[in-house]
C-alpha atoms as a PDB file:
ATOM      1  CA  MET A   1       5.561 -28.778 -29.067  1.00  0.00           C
ATOM      2  CA  ARG A   2       5.141 -31.226 -26.190  1.00  0.00           C
ATOM      3  CA  ASN A   3       8.704 -30.570 -25.027  1.00  0.00           C
ATOM      4  CA  ILE A   4       8.079 -26.816 -25.083  1.00  0.00           C
ATOM      5  CA  VAL A   5       5.000 -27.238 -22.885  1.00  0.00           C
ATOM      6  CA  LYS A   6       6.983 -29.389 -20.457  1.00  0.00           C
ATOM      7  CA  LEU A   7       9.766 -26.814 -20.399  1.00  0.00           C
ATOM      8  CA  ILE A   8       7.296 -24.036 -19.569  1.00  0.00           C
ATOM      9  CA  ASN A   9       5.771 -26.152 -16.799  1.00  0.00           C
ATOM     10  CA  GLY A  10       9.264 -26.761 -15.440  1.00  0.00           C
ATOM     11  CA  PHE A  11       9.918 -23.019 -15.323  1.00  0.00           C
ATOM     12  CA  LEU A  12       6.612 -22.431 -13.547  1.00  0.00           C
ATOM     13  CA  LEU A  13       7.372 -25.156 -11.000  1.00  0.00           C
ATOM     14  CA  GLY A  14      10.825 -23.729 -10.350  1.00  0.00           C
ATOM     15  CA  ALA A  15       9.408 -20.219  -9.954  1.00  0.00           C
ATOM     16  CA  HIS A  16       6.819 -21.489  -7.471  1.00  0.00           C
ATOM     17  CA  LEU A  17       9.489 -23.224  -5.400  1.00  0.00           C
ATOM     18  CA  CYS A  18      11.615 -20.074  -5.429  1.00  0.00           C
ATOM     19  CA  LEU A  19       8.711 -18.042  -4.049  1.00  0.00           C
ATOM     20  CA  SER A  20       7.825 -20.415  -1.193  1.00  0.00           C
ATOM     21  CA  ALA A  21       8.414 -18.935   2.257  1.00  0.00           C
ATOM     22  CA  THR A  22       9.646 -20.319   5.565  1.00  0.00           C
ATOM     23  CA  ILE A  23       7.557 -19.218   8.555  1.00  0.00           C
ATOM     24  CA  LYS A  24       9.021 -19.581  12.041  1.00  0.00           C
ATOM     25  CA  VAL A  25       6.893 -20.621  15.023  1.00  0.00           C
ATOM     26  CA  GLU A  26       8.591 -20.677  18.430  1.00  0.00           C
ATOM     27  CA  VAL A  27       7.546 -23.422  20.830  1.00  0.00           C
ATOM     28  CA  GLY A  28       7.243 -22.755  24.575  1.00  0.00           C
ATOM     29  CA  VAL A  29       8.804 -19.293  24.840  1.00  0.00           C
ATOM     30  CA  GLY A  30       7.794 -16.046  26.499  1.00  0.00           C
ATOM     31  CA  GLU A  31       6.248 -15.235  29.853  1.00  0.00           C
ATOM     32  CA  ASN A  32       3.724 -18.035  29.340  1.00  0.00           C
ATOM     33  CA  PRO A  33       5.665 -21.125  28.196  1.00  0.00           C
ATOM     34  CA  LEU A  34       2.437 -22.922  27.227  1.00  0.00           C
ATOM     35  CA  THR A  35       2.232 -21.134  23.895  1.00  0.00           C
ATOM     36  CA  PHE A  36       3.099 -21.324  20.238  1.00  0.00           C
ATOM     37  CA  SER A  37       4.322 -17.962  18.978  1.00  0.00           C
ATOM     38  CA  PRO A  38       2.589 -17.033  16.763  1.00  0.00           C
ATOM     39  CA  ASP A  39      -0.431 -19.285  17.281  1.00  0.00           C
ATOM     40  CA  ASN A  40      -2.301 -17.999  14.211  1.00  0.00           C
ATOM     41  CA  VAL A  41      -0.287 -18.489  11.017  1.00  0.00           C
ATOM     42  CA  VAL A  42      -1.160 -17.512   7.446  1.00  0.00           C
ATOM     43  CA  ALA A  43       0.669 -19.531   4.784  1.00  0.00           C
ATOM     44  CA  ALA A  44       0.465 -20.339   1.085  1.00  0.00           C
ATOM     45  CA  GLU A  45       0.690 -23.766  -0.484  1.00  0.00           C
ATOM     46  CA  GLY A  46       4.312 -24.858  -0.593  1.00  0.00           C
ATOM     47  CA  ASP A  47       5.332 -22.717   2.382  1.00  0.00           C
ATOM     48  CA  ILE A  48       7.373 -24.317   5.165  1.00  0.00           C
ATOM     49  CA  ILE A  49       6.208 -23.922   8.765  1.00  0.00           C
ATOM     50  CA  GLN A  50       9.279 -24.228  10.975  1.00  0.00           C
ATOM     51  CA  PHE A  51       8.584 -25.071  14.622  1.00  0.00           C
ATOM     52  CA  VAL A  52      11.640 -24.124  16.692  1.00  0.00           C
ATOM     53  CA  PHE A  53      11.798 -25.782  20.123  1.00  0.00           C
ATOM     54  CA  ASP A  54      13.653 -22.950  21.865  1.00  0.00           C
ATOM     55  CA  GLY A  55      11.674 -22.732  25.110  1.00  0.00           C
ATOM     56  CA  SER A  56      14.077 -23.529  27.954  1.00  0.00           C
ATOM     57  CA  PRO A  57      13.321 -25.557  29.959  1.00  0.00           C
ATOM     58  CA  GLY A  58      10.527 -27.440  28.256  1.00  0.00           C
ATOM     59  CA  GLN A  59       9.253 -30.659  26.758  1.00  0.00           C
ATOM     60  CA  HIS A  60       6.692 -30.101  24.036  1.00  0.00           C
ATOM     61  CA  SER A  61       5.271 -31.590  20.861  1.00  0.00           C
ATOM     62  CA  VAL A  62       3.340 -30.483  17.767  1.00  0.00           C
ATOM     63  CA  VAL A  63       0.323 -32.702  17.054  1.00  0.00           C
ATOM     64  CA  GLN A  64      -2.386 -32.194  14.415  1.00  0.00           C
ATOM     65  CA  SER A  65      -5.986 -31.945  15.567  1.00  0.00           C
ATOM     66  CA  ASP A  66      -9.250 -30.604  14.198  1.00  0.00           C
ATOM     67  CA  PHE A  67     -11.611 -27.923  15.435  1.00  0.00           C
ATOM     68  CA  GLU A  68     -14.324 -30.330  16.547  1.00  0.00           C
ATOM     69  CA  ASN A  69     -11.994 -32.386  18.753  1.00  0.00           C
ATOM     70  CA  PRO A  70      -9.501 -30.088  20.482  1.00  0.00           C
ATOM     71  CA  CYS A  71      -6.418 -31.667  22.082  1.00  0.00           C
ATOM     72  CA  GLN A  72      -7.053 -34.983  20.318  1.00  0.00           C
ATOM     73  CA  PRO A  73      -4.913 -36.416  17.469  1.00  0.00           C
ATOM     74  CA  LEU A  74      -6.423 -36.257  13.985  1.00  0.00           C
ATOM     75  CA  ASP A  75      -6.434 -39.557  12.131  1.00  0.00           C
ATOM     76  CA  GLY A  76      -3.713 -39.363   9.473  1.00  0.00           C
ATOM     77  CA  GLY A  77      -2.244 -36.210  10.985  1.00  0.00           C
ATOM     78  CA  PHE A  78       1.290 -35.295  12.033  1.00  0.00           C
ATOM     79  CA  ASN A  79       3.024 -35.659  15.403  1.00  0.00           C
ATOM     80  CA  SER A  80       6.540 -34.330  15.985  1.00  0.00           C
ATOM     81  CA  GLY A  81       7.025 -36.384  19.130  1.00  0.00           C
ATOM     82  CA  PHE A  82       8.259 -34.804  22.360  1.00  0.00           C
ATOM     83  CA  VAL A  83      11.338 -32.585  22.224  1.00  0.00           C
ATOM     84  CA  ASP A  84      13.130 -31.970  25.516  1.00  0.00           C
ATOM     85  CA  VAL A  85      15.037 -28.710  26.120  1.00  0.00           C
ATOM     86  CA  ALA A  86      17.155 -28.552  29.271  1.00  0.00           C
ATOM     87  CA  ALA A  87      17.188 -25.549  31.588  1.00  0.00           C
ATOM     88  CA  GLY A  88      19.741 -22.971  30.503  1.00  0.00           C
ATOM     89  CA  PHE A  89      20.240 -24.520  27.071  1.00  0.00           C
ATOM     90  CA  SER A  90      20.986 -21.828  24.468  1.00  0.00           C
ATOM     91  CA  GLY A  91      21.063 -23.821  21.243  1.00  0.00           C
ATOM     92  CA  PRO A  92      21.322 -24.971  18.602  1.00  0.00           C
ATOM     93  CA  PHE A  93      17.684 -25.951  18.969  1.00  0.00           C
ATOM     94  CA  GLN A  94      15.711 -28.732  17.349  1.00  0.00           C
ATOM     95  CA  VAL A  95      13.374 -27.828  14.504  1.00  0.00           C
ATOM     96  CA  TYR A  96      10.278 -29.572  13.127  1.00  0.00           C
ATOM     97  CA  GLU A  97       9.126 -28.577   9.644  1.00  0.00           C
ATOM     98  CA  LEU A  98       5.768 -28.885   7.909  1.00  0.00           C
ATOM     99  CA  GLN A  99       5.020 -28.102   4.284  1.00  0.00           C
ATOM    100  CA  VAL A 100       1.584 -26.699   3.508  1.00  0.00           C
ATOM    101  CA  LYS A 101      -0.194 -28.733   0.828  1.00  0.00           C
ATOM    102  CA  ASN A 102      -3.699 -27.259   1.078  1.00  0.00           C
ATOM    103  CA  ALA A 103      -3.984 -23.595   1.994  1.00  0.00           C
ATOM    104  CA  SER A 104      -7.783 -23.521   1.714  1.00  0.00           C
ATOM    105  CA  ALA A 105      -8.513 -25.510   4.899  1.00  0.00           C
ATOM    106  CA  PRO A 106      -7.468 -24.735   8.504  1.00  0.00           C
ATOM    107  CA  ILE A 107      -4.735 -26.901  10.029  1.00  0.00           C
ATOM    108  CA  TRP A 108      -5.081 -27.128  13.814  1.00  0.00           C
ATOM    109  CA  PHE A 109      -2.281 -28.244  16.123  1.00  0.00           C
ATOM    110  CA  TYR A 110      -1.516 -28.501  19.845  1.00  0.00           C
ATOM    111  CA  CYS A 111       1.012 -29.778  22.402  1.00  0.00           C
ATOM    112  CA  ALA A 112       0.210 -33.227  23.823  1.00  0.00           C
ATOM    113  CA  GLN A 113       2.253 -32.886  27.024  1.00  0.00           C
ATOM    114  CA  ILE A 114       0.268 -33.724  30.191  1.00  0.00           C
ATOM    115  CA  THR A 115       2.849 -33.111  32.947  1.00  0.00           C
ATOM    116  CA  PRO A 116       2.904 -31.394  35.310  1.00  0.00           C
ATOM    117  CA  GLU A 117      -0.479 -30.419  33.832  1.00  0.00           C
ATOM    118  CA  PRO A 118      -1.981 -30.790  30.330  1.00  0.00           C
ATOM    119  CA  HIS A 119      -0.559 -28.127  28.017  1.00  0.00           C
ATOM    120  CA  CYS A 120      -3.342 -27.999  25.428  1.00  0.00           C
ATOM    121  CA  PRO A 121      -6.120 -26.978  27.858  1.00  0.00           C
ATOM    122  CA  GLY A 122      -3.639 -24.428  29.203  1.00  0.00           C
ATOM    123  CA  GLY A 123      -3.622 -22.645  25.849  1.00  0.00           C
ATOM    124  CA  MET A 124      -0.830 -24.411  23.942  1.00  0.00           C
ATOM    125  CA  SER A 125      -2.460 -24.751  20.530  1.00  0.00           C
ATOM    126  CA  GLY A 126      -2.475 -23.001  17.184  1.00  0.00           C
ATOM    127  CA  VAL A 127      -3.785 -22.926  13.641  1.00  0.00           C
ATOM    128  CA  ILE A 128      -2.469 -22.500  10.116  1.00  0.00           C
ATOM    129  CA  ASN A 129      -4.834 -20.608   7.791  1.00  0.00           C
ATOM    130  CA  GLN A 130      -7.701 -20.052  10.199  1.00  0.00           C
ATOM    131  CA  GLY A 131      -9.710 -18.468   7.395  1.00  0.00           C
ATOM    132  CA  SER A 132     -13.009 -16.651   7.679  1.00  0.00           C
ATOM    133  CA  GLY A 133     -15.286 -19.609   8.353  1.00  0.00           C
ATOM    134  CA  GLY A 134     -16.097 -18.545  11.907  1.00  0.00           C
ATOM    135  CA  ASN A 135     -13.935 -21.094  13.712  1.00  0.00           C
ATOM    136  CA  THR A 136     -11.133 -19.169  15.385  1.00  0.00           C
ATOM    137  CA  ILE A 137      -8.126 -20.097  17.493  1.00  0.00           C
ATOM    138  CA  ASP A 138      -9.793 -18.321  20.421  1.00  0.00           C
ATOM    139  CA  ASP A 139     -12.821 -20.604  20.085  1.00  0.00           C
ATOM    140  CA  TYR A 140     -10.570 -23.672  19.876  1.00  0.00           C
ATOM    141  CA  GLN A 141      -8.683 -22.682  23.027  1.00  0.00           C
ATOM    142  CA  ILE A 142     -11.918 -21.973  24.922  1.00  0.00           C
ATOM    143  CA  ALA A 143     -13.217 -25.434  23.994  1.00  0.00           C
ATOM    144  CA  ALA A 144      -9.900 -26.947  25.113  1.00  0.00           C
ATOM    145  CA  ARG A 145     -10.097 -25.207  28.499  1.00  0.00           C
ATOM    146  CA  ASN A 146     -13.620 -26.530  29.003  1.00  0.00           C
ATOM    147  CA  LEU A 147     -12.644 -30.180  28.531  1.00  0.00           C
ATOM    148  CA  GLU A 148     -13.642 -32.279  31.536  1.00  0.00           C
ATOM    149  CA  SER A 149     -10.708 -34.624  30.998  1.00  0.00           C
ATOM    150  CA  PHE A 150      -7.737 -34.757  28.679  1.00  0.00           C
ATOM    151  CA  PRO A 151      -8.557 -36.924  25.631  1.00  0.00           C
ATOM    152  CA  ALA A 152      -6.767 -40.195  25.018  1.00  0.00           C
ATOM    153  CA  GLN A 153      -3.913 -39.582  22.597  1.00  0.00           C
ATOM    154  CA  THR A 154      -5.038 -42.009  19.935  1.00  0.00           C
ATOM    155  CA  PRO A 155      -4.522 -42.739  17.120  1.00  0.00           C
ATOM    156  CA  SER A 156      -0.741 -42.827  17.268  1.00  0.00           C
ATOM    157  CA  LEU A 157       0.758 -40.508  14.659  1.00  0.00           C
ATOM    158  CA  GLY A 158       4.202 -40.103  13.100  1.00  0.00           C
ATOM    159  CA  PRO A 159       6.328 -37.050  12.226  1.00  0.00           C
ATOM    160  CA  THR A 160       5.873 -37.380   8.455  1.00  0.00           C
ATOM    161  CA  GLY A 161       2.078 -37.649   8.312  1.00  0.00           C
ATOM    162  CA  GLY A 162      -0.374 -34.833   7.888  1.00  0.00           C
ATOM    163  CA  VAL A 163      -3.685 -33.628   6.452  1.00  0.00           C
ATOM    164  CA  GLY A 164      -3.380 -30.345   4.553  1.00  0.00           C
ATOM    165  CA  ALA A 165       0.246 -30.075   5.688  1.00  0.00           C
ATOM    166  CA  VAL A 166       2.828 -32.837   5.984  1.00  0.00           C
ATOM    167  CA  GLY A 167       5.832 -33.231   8.231  1.00  0.00           C
ATOM    168  CA  LEU A 168       9.082 -33.353   6.281  1.00  0.00           C
ATOM    169  CA  ALA A 169      11.086 -35.296   8.883  1.00  0.00           C
ATOM    170  CA  ALA A 170      11.436 -35.893  12.597  1.00  0.00           C
ATOM    171  CA  PRO A 171      12.765 -32.898  14.577  1.00  0.00           C
ATOM    172  CA  THR A 172      16.433 -32.199  13.857  1.00  0.00           C
ATOM    173  CA  VAL A 173      19.016 -29.801  15.260  1.00  0.00           C
ATOM    174  CA  SER A 174      19.319 -26.531  13.348  1.00  0.00           C
ATOM    175  CA  GLY A 175      22.216 -24.118  13.039  1.00  0.00           C
ATOM    176  CA  ALA A 176      24.943 -26.593  12.112  1.00  0.00           C
ATOM    177  CA  VAL A 177      28.127 -24.831  10.981  1.00  0.00           C
ATOM    178  CA  PRO A 178      29.364 -26.021   7.545  1.00  0.00           C
ATOM    179  CA  PRO A 179      33.016 -27.090   7.260  1.00  0.00           C
ATOM    180  CA  PRO A 180      35.354 -24.280   6.157  1.00  0.00           C
ATOM    181  CA  SER A 181      36.599 -24.347   2.589  1.00  0.00           C
ATOM    182  CA  SER A 182      40.224 -23.701   1.627  1.00  0.00           C
ATOM    183  CA  THR A 183      41.196 -20.244   0.391  1.00  0.00           C
ATOM    184  CA  SER A 184      43.263 -19.402  -2.658  1.00  0.00           C
ATOM    185  CA  SER A 185      46.485 -17.375  -2.760  1.00  0.00           C
ATOM    186  CA  THR A 186      47.458 -14.486  -5.008  1.00  0.00           C
ATOM    187  CA  SER A 187      50.759 -13.050  -6.214  1.00  0.00           C
ATOM    188  CA  THR A 188      51.639  -9.676  -7.737  1.00  0.00           C
ATOM    189  CA  SER A 189      54.897  -8.991  -9.675  1.00  0.00           C
ATOM    190  CA  GLY A 190      57.246 -10.957  -7.479  1.00  0.00           C
ATOM    191  CA  SER A 191      55.703 -10.025  -4.108  1.00  0.00           C
ATOM    192  CA  SER A 192      53.037 -12.416  -2.906  1.00  0.00           C
ATOM    193  CA  THR A 193      50.433 -12.662  -0.189  1.00  0.00           C
ATOM    194  CA  SER A 194      48.559 -15.804   0.779  1.00  0.00           C
ATOM    195  CA  SER A 195      45.524 -16.098   3.033  1.00  0.00           C
ATOM    196  CA  THR A 196      46.682 -19.563   4.004  1.00  0.00           C
ATOM    197  CA  SER A 197      50.385 -18.755   4.568  1.00  0.00           C
ATOM    198  CA  SER A 198      51.848 -19.867   7.873  1.00  0.00           C
ATOM    199  CA  THR A 199      54.803 -18.865  10.040  1.00  0.00           C
ATOM    200  CA  SER A 200      57.244 -20.971  11.949  1.00  0.00           C
ATOM    201  CA  SER A 201      55.358 -20.296  15.188  1.00  0.00           C
ATOM    202  CA  GLN A 202      52.659 -22.754  14.092  1.00  0.00           C
ATOM    203  CA  SER A 203      53.242 -26.296  15.255  1.00  0.00           C
ATOM    204  CA  THR A 204      52.118 -27.738  11.940  1.00  0.00           C
ATOM    205  CA  SER A 205      54.660 -25.800   9.857  1.00  0.00           C
ATOM    206  CA  SER A 206      57.880 -26.706  11.664  1.00  0.00           C
ATOM    207  CA  THR A 207      58.897 -28.878   8.725  1.00  0.00           C
ATOM    208  CA  SER A 208      58.910 -27.968   5.074  1.00  0.00           C
ATOM    209  CA  GLY A 209      55.569 -28.425   3.313  1.00  0.00           C
ATOM    210  CA  THR A 210      53.925 -27.871  -0.002  1.00  0.00           C
ATOM    211  CA  THR A 211      50.514 -26.546  -1.022  1.00  0.00           C
ATOM    212  CA  SER A 212      48.600 -26.711  -4.284  1.00  0.00           C
ATOM    213  CA  SER A 213      49.231 -23.044  -5.050  1.00  0.00           C
ATOM    214  CA  SER A 214      52.761 -22.356  -3.835  1.00  0.00           C
ATOM    215  CA  SER A 215      56.229 -23.774  -3.285  1.00  0.00           C
ATOM    216  CA  SER A 216      58.290 -22.268  -0.514  1.00  0.00           C
ATOM    217  CA  SER A 217      61.781 -22.524   0.881  1.00  0.00           C
ATOM    218  CA  THR A 218      62.568 -21.650   4.481  1.00  0.00           C
ATOM    219  CA  THR A 219      65.958 -20.531   5.778  1.00  0.00           C
ATOM    220  CA  THR A 220      66.635 -20.730   9.502  1.00  0.00           C
ATOM    221  CA  SER A 221      69.750 -19.476  11.261  1.00  0.00           C
ATOM    222  CA  SER A 222      70.800 -19.631  14.875  1.00  0.00           C
ATOM    223  CA  SER A 223      73.607 -18.015  16.851  1.00  0.00           C
ATOM    224  CA  SER A 224      74.678 -18.559  20.461  1.00  0.00           C
ATOM    225  CA  GLY A 225      71.521 -20.479  21.166  1.00  0.00           C
ATOM    226  CA  THR A 226      69.301 -17.625  19.984  1.00  0.00           C
ATOM    227  CA  ASN A 227      66.948 -18.482  17.134  1.00  0.00           C
ATOM    228  CA  THR A 228      66.267 -15.821  14.575  1.00  0.00           C
ATOM    229  CA  VAL A 229      62.867 -15.425  12.965  1.00  0.00           C
ATOM    230  CA  PRO A 230      62.672 -17.670   9.899  1.00  0.00           C
ATOM    231  CA  THR A 231      62.270 -15.860   6.608  1.00  0.00           C
ATOM    232  CA  LEU A 232      59.594 -17.219   4.311  1.00  0.00           C
ATOM    233  CA  THR A 233      60.444 -16.728   0.654  1.00  0.00           C
ATOM    234  CA  SER A 234      57.900 -18.009  -1.778  1.00  0.00           C
ATOM    235  CA  THR A 235      57.334 -18.010  -5.470  1.00  0.00           C
ATOM    236  CA  GLN A 236      53.681 -18.504  -6.251  1.00  0.00           C
ATOM    237  CA  THR A 237      51.539 -18.788  -9.290  1.00  0.00           C
ATOM    238  CA  THR A 238      48.046 -17.443  -9.228  1.00  0.00           C
ATOM    239  CA  SER A 239      45.320 -19.995  -9.728  1.00  0.00           C
ATOM    240  CA  THR A 240      41.908 -18.556 -10.451  1.00  0.00           C
ATOM    241  CA  HIS A 241      38.840 -20.763 -10.564  1.00  0.00           C
ATOM    242  CA  SER A 242      35.195 -20.121  -9.948  1.00  0.00           C
ATOM    243  CA  PRO A 243      34.350 -23.368  -8.107  1.00  0.00           C
ATOM    244  CA  THR A 244      35.395 -23.718  -4.473  1.00  0.00           C
ATOM    245  CA  GLN A 245      38.338 -26.099  -3.958  1.00  0.00           C
ATOM    246  CA  THR A 246      37.595 -28.316  -0.983  1.00  0.00           C
ATOM    247  CA  SER A 247      40.140 -30.056   1.211  1.00  0.00           C
ATOM    248  CA  ALA A 248      39.221 -33.391  -0.375  1.00  0.00           C
ATOM    249  CA  GLY A 249      40.206 -32.089  -3.831  1.00  0.00           C
ATOM    250  CA  ARG A 250      36.642 -31.947  -5.132  1.00  0.00           C
ATOM    251  CA  LYS A 251      35.092 -28.857  -6.657  1.00  0.00           C
ATOM    252  CA  SER A 252      31.645 -27.631  -5.805  1.00  0.00           C
ATOM    253  CA  VAL A 253      29.564 -24.749  -7.086  1.00  0.00           C
ATOM    254  CA  SER A 254      27.116 -23.019  -4.781  1.00  0.00           C
ATOM    255  CA  TYR A 255      23.762 -21.742  -5.962  1.00  0.00           C
ATOM    256  CA  PRO A 256      21.006 -20.003  -4.008  1.00  0.00           C
ATOM    257  CA  ASN A 257      18.344 -22.476  -2.911  1.00  0.00           C
ATOM    258  CA  GLY A 258      15.749 -21.100  -5.277  1.00  0.00           C
ATOM    259  CA  GLN A 259      18.088 -21.286  -8.290  1.00  0.00           C
ATOM    260  CA  THR A 260      19.042 -24.850  -7.418  1.00  0.00           C
ATOM    261  CA  LEU A 261      15.404 -25.915  -7.376  1.00  0.00           C
ATOM    262  CA  LEU A 262      14.805 -24.064 -10.647  1.00  0.00           C
ATOM    263  CA  VAL A 263      17.765 -25.794 -12.327  1.00  0.00           C
ATOM    264  CA  ILE A 264      16.596 -29.192 -11.035  1.00  0.00           C
ATOM    265  CA  GLY A 265      13.106 -28.532 -12.385  1.00  0.00           C
ATOM    266  CA  ILE A 266      14.466 -27.564 -15.821  1.00  0.00           C
ATOM    267  CA  LEU A 267      16.797 -30.569 -16.027  1.00  0.00           C
ATOM    268  CA  ALA A 268      13.977 -32.906 -15.019  1.00  0.00           C
ATOM    269  CA  VAL A 269      11.770 -31.540 -17.796  1.00  0.00           C
ATOM    270  CA  VAL A 270      14.470 -31.548 -20.480  1.00  0.00           C
ATOM    271  CA  SER A 271      15.269 -35.179 -19.665  1.00  0.00           C
ATOM    272  CA  PHE A 272      11.851 -36.114 -21.005  1.00  0.00           C
END
């Protein structure tokens, strides 16, 4: 009975992870670069807030604050650190991610840059789950504009801290292209086609070679100094397999992110 309860809890955990959303917030873009867009975010527990530093040029940060002390770091909060984007840069951009842990309390944030002028009093602030308590992002930004001096940026915070939401890691570059995987070849009643076949015009195929799915013989003739086009004759056997064959000879199976998390949750429960 205990194992059944654990199994059900594992399914519920996996389903929750599958339903979590990723919400994008652009940093320093638009006609007014001293903005987060959007600056008023609604998120559920488990959701990922993805700050994309795509304002060019710019040097900004994402620092947690509270409503009572605008533009000042919150003890135990998160701080992405400054991310510099050069003029004319078109990506890939750096991304800072937070995961919401408590959706019932507002999470205030701002940019701590002070040059050439302080960004937070200029309007560069935002909130996650503002709620209906009466404290709004407009009120926060008005209080920030009315500051007589920019607060000291203490205490010092790190990228993986947070109250109500925690940073997952320091900002990292997004949009990396995964390495290409090899493709398989097919043959049909003596005539074959291969997506990875090559001709003699390629520099890498000037000598005879072998692949995992085909063996080929190449005949080349020449006359009076004129080379004829080599004829590629191949006899291939079809190899069908559901995993992807990588160049290193290892097999991998791809699952959607949600299914992967669900499988991990189930395996973790069953192991008990």
